[in-house]
C-alpha atoms as a PDB file:
ATOM      1  CA  MET A   1      -0.511 -80.548 -35.785  1.00  0.00           C
ATOM      2  CA  ARG A   2      -4.204 -80.042 -35.822  1.00  0.00           C
ATOM      3  CA  ARG A   3      -3.638 -76.623 -34.337  1.00  0.00           C
ATOM      4  CA  ARG A   4      -1.147 -75.600 -36.787  1.00  0.00           C
ATOM      5  CA  ARG A   5      -3.837 -76.878 -39.726  1.00  0.00           C
ATOM      6  CA  SER A   6      -5.970 -74.250 -37.914  1.00  0.00           C
ATOM      7  CA  SER A   7      -3.744 -71.476 -38.228  1.00  0.00           C
ATOM      8  CA  LEU A   8      -2.934 -71.813 -41.504  1.00  0.00           C
ATOM      9  CA  ALA A   9      -7.036 -71.653 -42.356  1.00  0.00           C
ATOM     10  CA  ILE A  10      -6.768 -68.742 -40.737  1.00  0.00           C
ATOM     11  CA  ALA A  11      -3.999 -67.217 -42.403  1.00  0.00           C
ATOM     12  CA  ALA A  12      -5.448 -68.187 -46.044  1.00  0.00           C
ATOM     13  CA  ILE A  13      -8.556 -65.859 -44.853  1.00  0.00           C
ATOM     14  CA  PHE A  14      -6.373 -62.737 -44.003  1.00  0.00           C
ATOM     15  CA  LEU A  15      -4.409 -63.457 -47.438  1.00  0.00           C
ATOM     16  CA  ILE A  16      -6.992 -62.644 -49.563  1.00  0.00           C
ATOM     17  CA  THR A  17      -8.161 -59.816 -47.504  1.00  0.00           C
ATOM     18  CA  GLY A  18      -4.702 -58.387 -46.196  1.00  0.00           C
ATOM     19  CA  GLU A  19      -3.723 -56.438 -49.259  1.00  0.00           C
ATOM     20  CA  ILE A  20      -6.895 -54.624 -49.385  1.00  0.00           C
ATOM     21  CA  ALA A  21      -6.662 -53.604 -45.866  1.00  0.00           C
ATOM     22  CA  ALA A  22      -3.014 -52.035 -46.690  1.00  0.00           C
ATOM     23  CA  GLN A  23      -4.900 -49.835 -48.826  1.00  0.00           C
ATOM     24  CA  ASN A  24      -7.486 -49.165 -46.199  1.00  0.00           C
ATOM     25  CA  ALA A  25      -5.250 -47.823 -43.300  1.00  0.00           C
ATOM     26  CA  GLY A  26      -7.403 -48.195 -39.959  1.00  0.00           C
ATOM     27  CA  ASP A  27      -9.484 -50.995 -41.620  1.00  0.00           C
ATOM     28  CA  ALA A  28      -8.441 -54.289 -40.225  1.00  0.00           C
ATOM     29  CA  THR A  29      -8.082 -57.468 -42.146  1.00  0.00           C
ATOM     30  CA  GLY A  30     -11.293 -59.171 -40.720  1.00  0.00           C
ATOM     31  CA  THR A  31     -13.325 -57.111 -42.309  1.00  0.00           C
ATOM     32  CA  ALA A  32     -11.870 -56.258 -45.636  1.00  0.00           C
ATOM     33  CA  PHE A  33     -13.710 -59.051 -47.393  1.00  0.00           C
ATOM     34  CA  LEU A  34     -16.893 -56.400 -47.556  1.00  0.00           C
ATOM     35  CA  LEU A  35     -14.792 -54.655 -50.088  1.00  0.00           C
ATOM     36  CA  LEU A  36     -14.797 -57.570 -52.638  1.00  0.00           C
ATOM     37  CA  PRO A  37     -16.921 -56.947 -55.585  1.00  0.00           C
ATOM     38  CA  ILE A  38     -20.009 -58.830 -56.318  1.00  0.00           C
ATOM     39  CA  GLY A  39     -21.649 -59.617 -59.592  1.00  0.00           C
ATOM     40  CA  ALA A  40     -19.959 -59.680 -63.753  1.00  0.00           C
ATOM     41  CA  ARG A  41     -22.007 -56.522 -64.629  1.00  0.00           C
ATOM     42  CA  ALA A  42     -20.129 -54.349 -62.113  1.00  0.00           C
ATOM     43  CA  VAL A  43     -16.905 -55.953 -62.502  1.00  0.00           C
ATOM     44  CA  GLY A  44     -16.810 -55.240 -66.218  1.00  0.00           C
ATOM     45  CA  MET A  45     -17.942 -51.985 -66.000  1.00  0.00           C
ATOM     46  CA  GLY A  46     -14.764 -51.121 -63.840  1.00  0.00           C
ATOM     47  CA  GLN A  47     -17.011 -51.303 -60.707  1.00  0.00           C
ATOM     48  CA  ALA A  48     -18.442 -47.734 -61.737  1.00  0.00           C
ATOM     49  CA  VAL A  49     -21.952 -48.597 -60.896  1.00  0.00           C
ATOM     50  CA  VAL A  50     -23.171 -46.256 -58.293  1.00  0.00           C
ATOM     51  CA  ALA A  51     -25.476 -44.384 -60.725  1.00  0.00           C
ATOM     52  CA  ASP A  52     -26.373 -47.578 -62.906  1.00  0.00           C
ATOM     53  CA  ASN A  53     -28.865 -49.990 -62.485  1.00  0.00           C
ATOM     54  CA  PRO A  54     -27.395 -53.838 -62.481  1.00  0.00           C
ATOM     55  CA  GLY A  55     -30.348 -55.595 -61.517  1.00  0.00           C
ATOM     56  CA  THR A  56     -30.180 -57.756 -58.042  1.00  0.00           C
ATOM     57  CA  GLU A  57     -26.487 -56.364 -57.945  1.00  0.00           C
ATOM     58  CA  ALA A  58     -27.517 -53.017 -56.367  1.00  0.00           C
ATOM     59  CA  VAL A  59     -27.932 -55.029 -53.217  1.00  0.00           C
ATOM     60  CA  TRP A  60     -24.015 -54.507 -52.983  1.00  0.00           C
ATOM     61  CA  TRP A  61     -23.290 -51.478 -54.892  1.00  0.00           C
ATOM     62  CA  ASN A  62     -26.157 -49.182 -54.089  1.00  0.00           C
ATOM     63  CA  PRO A  63     -29.575 -50.117 -52.634  1.00  0.00           C
ATOM     64  CA  ALA A  64     -31.306 -47.025 -54.258  1.00  0.00           C
ATOM     65  CA  ALA A  65     -30.759 -48.661 -57.938  1.00  0.00           C
ATOM     66  CA  ALA A  66     -33.695 -51.417 -57.296  1.00  0.00           C
ATOM     67  CA  ALA A  67     -36.079 -48.838 -56.667  1.00  0.00           C
ATOM     68  CA  ARG A  68     -37.811 -48.664 -60.225  1.00  0.00           C
ATOM     69  CA  ASN A  69     -37.224 -52.432 -60.972  1.00  0.00           C
ATOM     70  CA  THR A  70     -40.709 -53.504 -62.811  1.00  0.00           C
ATOM     71  CA  LYS A  71     -39.907 -57.555 -62.428  1.00  0.00           C
ATOM     72  CA  ARG A  72     -39.076 -60.229 -59.978  1.00  0.00           C
ATOM     73  CA  GLU A  73     -35.851 -61.199 -60.532  1.00  0.00           C
ATOM     74  CA  ALA A  74     -33.610 -64.383 -58.999  1.00  0.00           C
ATOM     75  CA  ALA A  75     -29.906 -64.549 -59.448  1.00  0.00           C
ATOM     76  CA  ILE A  76     -26.571 -66.114 -58.389  1.00  0.00           C
ATOM     77  CA  HIS A  77     -23.465 -64.432 -58.749  1.00  0.00           C
ATOM     78  CA  HIS A  78     -20.317 -66.308 -58.599  1.00  0.00           C
ATOM     79  CA  SER A  79     -16.684 -65.764 -58.130  1.00  0.00           C
ATOM     80  CA  GLN A  80     -13.338 -67.213 -58.546  1.00  0.00           C
ATOM     81  CA  THR A  81      -9.928 -66.231 -57.303  1.00  0.00           C
ATOM     82  CA  VAL A  82      -6.793 -67.455 -56.390  1.00  0.00           C
ATOM     83  CA  VAL A  83      -7.903 -67.959 -53.036  1.00  0.00           C
ATOM     84  CA  ALA A  84     -11.374 -67.977 -52.438  1.00  0.00           C
ATOM     85  CA  THR A  85     -14.750 -68.747 -54.040  1.00  0.00           C
ATOM     86  CA  GLY A  86     -17.598 -66.540 -53.907  1.00  0.00           C
ATOM     87  CA  ASP A  87     -21.396 -67.146 -54.384  1.00  0.00           C
ATOM     88  CA  ALA A  88     -24.074 -64.367 -53.752  1.00  0.00           C
ATOM     89  CA  ILE A  89     -28.022 -65.311 -54.166  1.00  0.00           C
ATOM     90  CA  THR A  90     -30.592 -62.863 -54.630  1.00  0.00           C
ATOM     91  CA  TYR A  91     -34.280 -62.658 -54.589  1.00  0.00           C
ATOM     92  CA  MET A  92     -35.555 -58.897 -55.576  1.00  0.00           C
ATOM     93  CA  ALA A  93     -39.156 -58.636 -56.139  1.00  0.00           C
ATOM     94  CA  PRO A  94     -41.284 -55.167 -56.891  1.00  0.00           C
ATOM     95  CA  SER A  95     -44.544 -54.239 -54.765  1.00  0.00           C
ATOM     96  CA  ARG A  96     -46.569 -51.538 -53.910  1.00  0.00           C
ATOM     97  CA  ILE A  97     -44.603 -49.924 -51.283  1.00  0.00           C
ATOM     98  CA  GLY A  98     -41.121 -50.222 -53.187  1.00  0.00           C
ATOM     99  CA  THR A  99     -38.524 -53.148 -54.364  1.00  0.00           C
ATOM    100  CA  LEU A 100     -37.729 -55.645 -52.045  1.00  0.00           C
ATOM    101  CA  ALA A 101     -34.619 -58.012 -51.622  1.00  0.00           C
ATOM    102  CA  VAL A 102     -33.334 -60.781 -49.290  1.00  0.00           C
ATOM    103  CA  SER A 103     -29.607 -62.131 -50.129  1.00  0.00           C
ATOM    104  CA  LEU A 104     -27.132 -64.329 -49.244  1.00  0.00           C
ATOM    105  CA  ASN A 105     -23.188 -63.818 -50.074  1.00  0.00           C
ATOM    106  CA  VAL A 106     -20.456 -66.887 -49.323  1.00  0.00           C
ATOM    107  CA  LEU A 107     -17.175 -66.530 -49.290  1.00  0.00           C
ATOM    108  CA  ASN A 108     -15.786 -70.135 -49.176  1.00  0.00           C
ATOM    109  CA  PHE A 109     -11.801 -70.348 -48.733  1.00  0.00           C
ATOM    110  CA  GLY A 110     -11.561 -74.029 -49.150  1.00  0.00           C
ATOM    111  CA  ASP A 111     -11.441 -77.037 -46.898  1.00  0.00           C
ATOM    112  CA  GLN A 112      -8.029 -77.047 -44.720  1.00  0.00           C
ATOM    113  CA  GLN A 113      -7.721 -81.029 -43.764  1.00  0.00           C
ATOM    114  CA  VAL A 114      -6.631 -81.716 -39.876  1.00  0.00           C
ATOM    115  CA  THR A 115      -4.242 -84.264 -39.668  1.00  0.00           C
ATOM    116  CA  ASP A 116      -2.050 -86.539 -37.044  1.00  0.00           C
ATOM    117  CA  GLU A 117       0.089 -89.109 -37.189  1.00  0.00           C
ATOM    118  CA  GLN A 118      -1.928 -91.372 -38.697  1.00  0.00           C
ATOM    119  CA  GLY A 119      -3.361 -88.942 -41.546  1.00  0.00           C
ATOM    120  CA  PRO A 120      -6.336 -86.892 -42.164  1.00  0.00           C
ATOM    121  CA  VAL A 121      -8.907 -86.649 -39.366  1.00  0.00           C
ATOM    122  CA  GLY A 122     -11.045 -83.569 -40.194  1.00  0.00           C
ATOM    123  CA  VAL A 123     -11.754 -81.033 -42.228  1.00  0.00           C
ATOM    124  CA  ILE A 124     -11.619 -76.964 -41.328  1.00  0.00           C
ATOM    125  CA  LEU A 125     -14.303 -75.071 -43.013  1.00  0.00           C
ATOM    126  CA  PRO A 126     -13.475 -71.300 -43.241  1.00  0.00           C
ATOM    127  CA  ARG A 127     -16.008 -68.978 -44.309  1.00  0.00           C
ATOM    128  CA  ASN A 128     -17.429 -65.373 -44.686  1.00  0.00           C
ATOM    129  CA  LEU A 129     -21.473 -64.986 -44.537  1.00  0.00           C
ATOM    130  CA  VAL A 130     -23.660 -61.790 -45.120  1.00  0.00           C
ATOM    131  CA  VAL A 131     -26.859 -62.064 -45.408  1.00  0.00           C
ATOM    132  CA  ALA A 132     -28.956 -58.680 -46.637  1.00  0.00           C
ATOM    133  CA  GLY A 133     -32.238 -57.492 -46.592  1.00  0.00           C
ATOM    134  CA  THR A 134     -32.866 -54.712 -49.249  1.00  0.00           C
ATOM    135  CA  PHE A 135     -35.659 -52.085 -49.494  1.00  0.00           C
ATOM    136  CA  ALA A 136     -35.916 -49.274 -52.275  1.00  0.00           C
ATOM    137  CA  ARG A 137     -38.612 -47.074 -53.895  1.00  0.00           C
ATOM    138  CA  GLY A 138     -39.293 -44.166 -56.037  1.00  0.00           C
ATOM    139  CA  ILE A 139     -39.859 -40.902 -55.048  1.00  0.00           C
ATOM    140  CA  GLY A 140     -40.842 -38.545 -57.675  1.00  0.00           C
ATOM    141  CA  LYS A 141     -40.078 -39.129 -61.087  1.00  0.00           C
ATOM    142  CA  ARG A 142     -36.435 -38.336 -60.805  1.00  0.00           C
ATOM    143  CA  PHE A 143     -35.456 -39.812 -57.047  1.00  0.00           C
ATOM    144  CA  ASN A 144     -34.804 -42.961 -56.177  1.00  0.00           C
ATOM    145  CA  GLY A 145     -33.936 -44.268 -52.787  1.00  0.00           C
ATOM    146  CA  GLY A 146     -32.723 -47.107 -50.975  1.00  0.00           C
ATOM    147  CA  VAL A 147     -31.499 -48.885 -47.391  1.00  0.00           C
ATOM    148  CA  SER A 148     -29.973 -52.471 -46.906  1.00  0.00           C
ATOM    149  CA  TYR A 149     -29.128 -53.949 -43.433  1.00  0.00           C
ATOM    150  CA  LYS A 150     -26.779 -56.544 -43.545  1.00  0.00           C
ATOM    151  CA  PHE A 151     -25.925 -59.341 -41.141  1.00  0.00           C
ATOM    152  CA  ILE A 152     -22.054 -60.134 -41.292  1.00  0.00           C
ATOM    153  CA  GLN A 153     -20.139 -63.471 -39.821  1.00  0.00           C
ATOM    154  CA  PHE A 154     -16.738 -64.185 -40.321  1.00  0.00           C
ATOM    155  CA  ARG A 155     -16.312 -68.002 -38.961  1.00  0.00           C
ATOM    156  CA  VAL A 156     -13.992 -70.833 -39.015  1.00  0.00           C
ATOM    157  CA  ASP A 157     -15.753 -74.112 -38.733  1.00  0.00           C
ATOM    158  CA  CYS A 158     -14.687 -77.743 -38.367  1.00  0.00           C
ATOM    159  CA  SER A 159     -16.018 -80.965 -38.625  1.00  0.00           C
ATOM    160  CA  GLY A 160     -14.599 -84.456 -37.737  1.00  0.00           C
ATOM    161  CA  GLN A 161     -11.657 -85.015 -34.839  1.00  0.00           C
ATOM    162  CA  CYS A 162     -11.627 -81.274 -33.765  1.00  0.00           C
ATOM    163  CA  ALA A 163     -10.982 -81.123 -30.150  1.00  0.00           C
ATOM    164  CA  ASN A 164      -7.830 -79.195 -30.319  1.00  0.00           C
ATOM    165  CA  VAL A 165      -8.904 -76.963 -33.139  1.00  0.00           C
ATOM    166  CA  ALA A 166      -9.491 -73.320 -32.558  1.00  0.00           C
ATOM    167  CA  THR A 167     -12.521 -72.839 -34.293  1.00  0.00           C
ATOM    168  CA  PHE A 168     -14.400 -69.485 -33.715  1.00  0.00           C
ATOM    169  CA  ALA A 169     -17.885 -67.140 -34.951  1.00  0.00           C
ATOM    170  CA  ALA A 170     -17.621 -63.243 -34.797  1.00  0.00           C
ATOM    171  CA  SER A 171     -20.372 -61.206 -35.898  1.00  0.00           C
ATOM    172  CA  ALA A 172     -21.340 -57.774 -36.989  1.00  0.00           C
ATOM    173  CA  ASN A 173     -24.305 -55.562 -38.043  1.00  0.00           C
ATOM    174  CA  ALA A 174     -24.046 -52.986 -40.752  1.00  0.00           C
ATOM    175  CA  MET A 175     -26.087 -50.733 -43.206  1.00  0.00           C
ATOM    176  CA  ASP A 176     -26.025 -49.168 -46.813  1.00  0.00           C
ATOM    177  CA  VAL A 177     -27.708 -46.552 -47.536  1.00  0.00           C
ATOM    178  CA  GLY A 178     -28.066 -45.011 -51.492  1.00  0.00           C
ATOM    179  CA  MET A 179     -29.866 -42.317 -53.503  1.00  0.00           C
ATOM    180  CA  GLN A 180     -29.784 -41.634 -56.912  1.00  0.00           C
ATOM    181  CA  TYR A 181     -31.043 -38.699 -58.706  1.00  0.00           C
ATOM    182  CA  GLN A 182     -32.157 -38.041 -62.450  1.00  0.00           C
ATOM    183  CA  LEU A 183     -30.145 -34.715 -63.986  1.00  0.00           C
ATOM    184  CA  LEU A 184     -31.819 -32.479 -66.143  1.00  0.00           C
ATOM    185  CA  GLY A 185     -30.197 -32.054 -69.544  1.00  0.00           C
ATOM    186  CA  PRO A 186     -30.007 -33.025 -73.050  1.00  0.00           C
ATOM    187  CA  ALA A 187     -29.192 -36.676 -72.018  1.00  0.00           C
ATOM    188  CA  PRO A 188     -30.897 -38.248 -68.789  1.00  0.00           C
ATOM    189  CA  MET A 189     -27.938 -38.445 -66.933  1.00  0.00           C
ATOM    190  CA  MET A 190     -28.237 -40.476 -63.677  1.00  0.00           C
ATOM    191  CA  PHE A 191     -26.420 -39.108 -60.430  1.00  0.00           C
ATOM    192  CA  GLY A 192     -25.497 -41.775 -57.814  1.00  0.00           C
ATOM    193  CA  LEU A 193     -24.467 -41.660 -53.829  1.00  0.00           C
ATOM    194  CA  ALA A 194     -23.794 -44.701 -51.745  1.00  0.00           C
ATOM    195  CA  VAL A 195     -22.702 -45.334 -48.452  1.00  0.00           C
ATOM    196  CA  ARG A 196     -21.639 -48.849 -47.472  1.00  0.00           C
ATOM    197  CA  ASN A 197     -20.895 -50.947 -44.290  1.00  0.00           C
ATOM    198  CA  ILE A 198     -21.806 -48.344 -41.838  1.00  0.00           C
ATOM    199  CA  GLY A 199     -22.159 -50.557 -38.620  1.00  0.00           C
ATOM    200  CA  SER A 200     -20.616 -52.438 -35.621  1.00  0.00           C
ATOM    201  CA  ARG A 201     -17.118 -53.826 -34.825  1.00  0.00           C
ATOM    202  CA  LEU A 202     -16.284 -57.206 -35.575  1.00  0.00           C
ATOM    203  CA  LYS A 203     -14.386 -58.778 -32.704  1.00  0.00           C
ATOM    204  CA  VAL A 204     -12.374 -62.006 -34.024  1.00  0.00           C
ATOM    205  CA  ASP A 205     -10.824 -63.025 -30.580  1.00  0.00           C
ATOM    206  CA  GLU A 206     -10.551 -62.052 -27.425  1.00  0.00           C
ATOM    207  CA  ARG A 207      -6.847 -61.095 -27.653  1.00  0.00           C
ATOM    208  CA  SER A 208      -7.394 -58.273 -30.019  1.00  0.00           C
ATOM    209  CA  GLU A 209      -9.255 -55.155 -30.660  1.00  0.00           C
ATOM    210  CA  PRO A 210     -12.778 -55.055 -32.609  1.00  0.00           C
ATOM    211  CA  ASP A 211     -12.114 -54.616 -35.976  1.00  0.00           C
ATOM    212  CA  PRO A 212     -14.234 -51.588 -37.882  1.00  0.00           C
ATOM    213  CA  LEU A 213     -16.201 -52.058 -40.793  1.00  0.00           C
ATOM    214  CA  PRO A 214     -14.613 -50.561 -43.816  1.00  0.00           C
ATOM    215  CA  THR A 215     -17.206 -47.978 -44.622  1.00  0.00           C
ATOM    216  CA  ARG A 216     -17.072 -47.104 -48.017  1.00  0.00           C
ATOM    217  CA  ILE A 217     -18.372 -43.580 -49.784  1.00  0.00           C
ATOM    218  CA  GLU A 218     -18.925 -43.731 -53.135  1.00  0.00           C
ATOM    219  CA  ALA A 219     -20.528 -41.054 -55.833  1.00  0.00           C
ATOM    220  CA  GLY A 220     -20.932 -41.152 -59.667  1.00  0.00           C
ATOM    221  CA  VAL A 221     -22.696 -40.698 -62.904  1.00  0.00           C
ATOM    222  CA  LEU A 222     -24.170 -42.546 -65.612  1.00  0.00           C
ATOM    223  CA  TYR A 223     -24.100 -41.334 -68.918  1.00  0.00           C
ATOM    224  CA  PRO A 224     -26.216 -42.366 -72.363  1.00  0.00           C
ATOM    225  CA  VAL A 225     -24.543 -41.535 -75.350  1.00  0.00           C
ATOM    226  CA  ALA A 226     -27.498 -40.204 -77.248  1.00  0.00           C
ATOM    227  CA  LEU A 227     -25.427 -39.245 -80.482  1.00  0.00           C
ATOM    228  CA  VAL A 228     -24.708 -43.068 -80.785  1.00  0.00           C
ATOM    229  CA  ALA A 229     -28.390 -43.940 -81.429  1.00  0.00           C
ATOM    230  CA  ARG A 230     -29.200 -40.942 -84.005  1.00  0.00           C
ATOM    231  CA  TYR A 231     -26.612 -42.839 -86.132  1.00  0.00           C
ATOM    232  CA  VAL A 232     -27.041 -46.407 -85.364  1.00  0.00           C
ATOM    233  CA  SER A 233     -30.558 -47.503 -83.956  1.00  0.00           C
ATOM    234  CA  ASP A 234     -29.439 -51.284 -82.605  1.00  0.00           C
ATOM    235  CA  ILE A 235     -26.481 -50.122 -80.618  1.00  0.00           C
ATOM    236  CA  ASP A 236     -26.956 -47.945 -77.109  1.00  0.00           C
ATOM    237  CA  VAL A 237     -23.831 -46.988 -75.581  1.00  0.00           C
ATOM    238  CA  ARG A 238     -23.374 -45.970 -71.695  1.00  0.00           C
ATOM    239  CA  LEU A 239     -20.659 -44.502 -70.081  1.00  0.00           C
ATOM    240  CA  THR A 240     -20.117 -44.483 -66.247  1.00  0.00           C
ATOM    241  CA  GLY A 241     -17.594 -42.854 -63.818  1.00  0.00           C
ATOM    242  CA  ALA A 242     -17.292 -43.028 -59.818  1.00  0.00           C
ATOM    243  CA  VAL A 243     -14.967 -41.774 -57.285  1.00  0.00           C
ATOM    244  CA  THR A 244     -14.890 -43.528 -53.891  1.00  0.00           C
ATOM    245  CA  THR A 245     -13.273 -42.980 -50.272  1.00  0.00           C
ATOM    246  CA  ASP A 246     -12.776 -45.187 -47.501  1.00  0.00           C
ATOM    247  CA  ARG A 247     -12.777 -44.518 -43.629  1.00  0.00           C
ATOM    248  CA  ASN A 248      -9.259 -43.318 -42.381  1.00  0.00           C
ATOM    249  CA  PHE A 249      -8.252 -43.415 -46.069  1.00  0.00           C
ATOM    250  CA  GLY A 250      -7.475 -39.930 -47.149  1.00  0.00           C
ATOM    251  CA  GLU A 251      -6.808 -40.563 -50.971  1.00  0.00           C
ATOM    252  CA  ALA A 252      -9.779 -41.242 -53.358  1.00  0.00           C
ATOM    253  CA  SER A 253      -9.862 -43.587 -56.317  1.00  0.00           C
ATOM    254  CA  ALA A 254     -11.577 -43.057 -59.351  1.00  0.00           C
ATOM    255  CA  ARG A 255     -13.415 -45.898 -61.517  1.00  0.00           C
ATOM    256  CA  VAL A 256     -14.473 -45.728 -65.274  1.00  0.00           C
ATOM    257  CA  GLY A 257     -16.877 -48.257 -67.572  1.00  0.00           C
ATOM    258  CA  ALA A 258     -18.913 -48.617 -70.357  1.00  0.00           C
ATOM    259  CA  ASP A 259     -21.590 -50.301 -71.823  1.00  0.00           C
ATOM    260  CA  VAL A 260     -22.110 -51.270 -75.446  1.00  0.00           C
ATOM    261  CA  VAL A 261     -25.450 -53.166 -76.226  1.00  0.00           C
ATOM    262  CA  TRP A 262     -26.282 -54.625 -79.183  1.00  0.00           C
ATOM    263  CA  GLN A 263     -30.581 -54.806 -80.076  1.00  0.00           C
ATOM    264  CA  ARG A 264     -30.955 -54.747 -75.876  1.00  0.00           C
ATOM    265  CA  GLN A 265     -29.739 -58.739 -76.201  1.00  0.00           C
ATOM    266  CA  VAL A 266     -25.635 -58.469 -76.041  1.00  0.00           C
ATOM    267  CA  HIS A 267     -23.630 -56.686 -74.141  1.00  0.00           C
ATOM    268  CA  LEU A 268     -19.849 -55.472 -74.599  1.00  0.00           C
ATOM    269  CA  ARG A 269     -18.361 -54.031 -71.271  1.00  0.00           C
ATOM    270  CA  ALA A 270     -14.993 -52.410 -70.494  1.00  0.00           C
ATOM    271  CA  GLY A 271     -13.589 -50.654 -67.565  1.00  0.00           C
ATOM    272  CA  TYR A 272     -10.927 -49.251 -65.001  1.00  0.00           C
ATOM    273  CA  ALA A 273     -10.682 -49.501 -60.679  1.00  0.00           C
ATOM    274  CA  ALA A 274      -7.979 -47.869 -59.492  1.00  0.00           C
ATOM    275  CA  ARG A 275      -6.517 -48.592 -55.838  1.00  0.00           C
ATOM    276  CA  GLU A 276      -8.706 -51.913 -55.841  1.00  0.00           C
ATOM    277  CA  SER A 277      -6.762 -54.841 -54.476  1.00  0.00           C
ATOM    278  CA  ASN A 278      -8.550 -57.701 -56.170  1.00  0.00           C
ATOM    279  CA  GLY A 279     -10.011 -56.083 -59.137  1.00  0.00           C
ATOM    280  CA  ALA A 280      -7.360 -53.423 -59.724  1.00  0.00           C
ATOM    281  CA  GLY A 281      -6.733 -52.506 -63.526  1.00  0.00           C
ATOM    282  CA  ALA A 282      -8.546 -53.043 -66.748  1.00  0.00           C
ATOM    283  CA  ALA A 283     -11.609 -55.060 -66.599  1.00  0.00           C
ATOM    284  CA  LEU A 284     -13.745 -56.705 -69.646  1.00  0.00           C
ATOM    285  CA  GLY A 285     -17.041 -58.133 -69.348  1.00  0.00           C
ATOM    286  CA  PHE A 286     -19.702 -59.696 -72.205  1.00  0.00           C
ATOM    287  CA  GLY A 287     -23.529 -60.318 -71.579  1.00  0.00           C
ATOM    288  CA  VAL A 288     -26.475 -61.929 -73.391  1.00  0.00           C
ATOM    289  CA  VAL A 289     -29.990 -61.857 -73.017  1.00  0.00           C
ATOM    290  CA  ALA A 290     -32.065 -64.903 -73.859  1.00  0.00           C
ATOM    291  CA  GLY A 291     -35.887 -64.335 -73.363  1.00  0.00           C
ATOM    292  CA  LYS A 292     -36.316 -64.575 -69.127  1.00  0.00           C
ATOM    293  CA  LEU A 293     -32.669 -65.449 -69.115  1.00  0.00           C
ATOM    294  CA  GLU A 294     -29.658 -63.014 -68.652  1.00  0.00           C
ATOM    295  CA  PHE A 295     -25.745 -64.371 -68.379  1.00  0.00           C
ATOM    296  CA  ASP A 296     -22.724 -61.994 -67.671  1.00  0.00           C
ATOM    297  CA  ILE A 297     -18.985 -62.697 -67.220  1.00  0.00           C
ATOM    298  CA  ALA A 298     -16.301 -60.247 -66.523  1.00  0.00           C
ATOM    299  CA  ARG A 299     -12.702 -60.914 -65.618  1.00  0.00           C
ATOM    300  CA  SER A 300     -10.482 -58.218 -64.018  1.00  0.00           C
ATOM    301  CA  PHE A 301      -6.740 -58.185 -65.113  1.00  0.00           C
ATOM    302  CA  GLY A 302      -4.774 -56.646 -61.566  1.00  0.00           C
ATOM    303  CA  GLY A 303      -4.513 -57.003 -57.685  1.00  0.00           C
ATOM    304  CA  LEU A 304      -3.497 -59.963 -55.605  1.00  0.00           C
ATOM    305  CA  SER A 305      -5.437 -62.976 -57.808  1.00  0.00           C
ATOM    306  CA  SER A 306      -3.878 -61.437 -61.142  1.00  0.00           C
ATOM    307  CA  ASP A 307      -0.165 -61.584 -59.591  1.00  0.00           C
ATOM    308  CA  ALA A 308      -0.781 -64.771 -58.279  1.00  0.00           C
ATOM    309  CA  GLY A 309      -1.267 -66.243 -61.986  1.00  0.00           C
ATOM    310  CA  GLN A 310      -5.197 -66.299 -61.616  1.00  0.00           C
ATOM    311  CA  PRO A 311      -7.085 -62.942 -62.503  1.00  0.00           C
ATOM    312  CA  PRO A 312     -10.762 -62.659 -60.605  1.00  0.00           C
ATOM    313  CA  THR A 313     -13.480 -64.436 -62.702  1.00  0.00           C
ATOM    314  CA  TYR A 314     -17.012 -63.598 -62.287  1.00  0.00           C
ATOM    315  CA  PHE A 315     -20.253 -65.093 -63.323  1.00  0.00           C
ATOM    316  CA  SER A 316     -23.933 -63.971 -63.069  1.00  0.00           C
ATOM    317  CA  LEU A 317     -27.067 -65.704 -63.828  1.00  0.00           C
ATOM    318  CA  ARG A 318     -30.361 -64.115 -63.568  1.00  0.00           C
ATOM    319  CA  TYR A 319     -33.945 -65.368 -64.425  1.00  0.00           C
ATOM    320  CA  LEU A 320     -36.715 -62.466 -64.695  1.00  0.00           C
ATOM    321  CA  PHE A 321     -40.036 -63.294 -64.366  1.00  0.00           C
END
């Protein structure tokens, strides 16, 4: 019975990542969680933020976006889907040499009870962990560059009477690299390019082949709509667009987003992401700035979790100082 409970825990992990892997031929389910979105700002804008500066969320989308941050930021980015709960914690600080950040992302699939004839005797803890270190720097007036190193771990632990429970921990190393360049023209458009999850394979068990990391290439632009500011001084509008492609997956997918800002304090966001398993389709977001605190919330309306009756919800809380 204990072995059966352990198998159920591992099956729960594959449930949320399996549909992503199906859309990315050649990417095994053991590493597909790396494609799940992080951060309410990014989700609210349809995940089209490779050319934007989403604060500490830049760690997970394009490390170059953090290059010109002028304030320290501590943030937690929370997500809730039908299968898993995610929490990403980041501390980011500017310095003389550039912007530095350290991050921890934990994806928790919930406790699975181990039982015998007498009842519960232990708890299985399936989790995915990512520890990241980021460096970004501006070069000249228009170019930003950045890189993140990520230590990735896919693990199933157990507490209690676990002698017959199959626990394991599989690890891999990866890098993200990115750049941004401000284009010349009537409006200061920004171009962004990022390559994420470049690294070693992750071997889940001895009986299967190591899983390749789901390397993703993304390019996009940010366009501030200057025409709106000419007529309404309190409102700023920013439009974003991006195209992504994954290793061993030939067809590119598109993303678009918009951010309407009132007095630099209230944000209304909307976007659309195509072909994203847990976050496909339309998305809406809201944000508010109160002194040094910033709060954002977003929800996407598509993908595995929405089909199961619980649209993915994302919260971000930041403290800037």
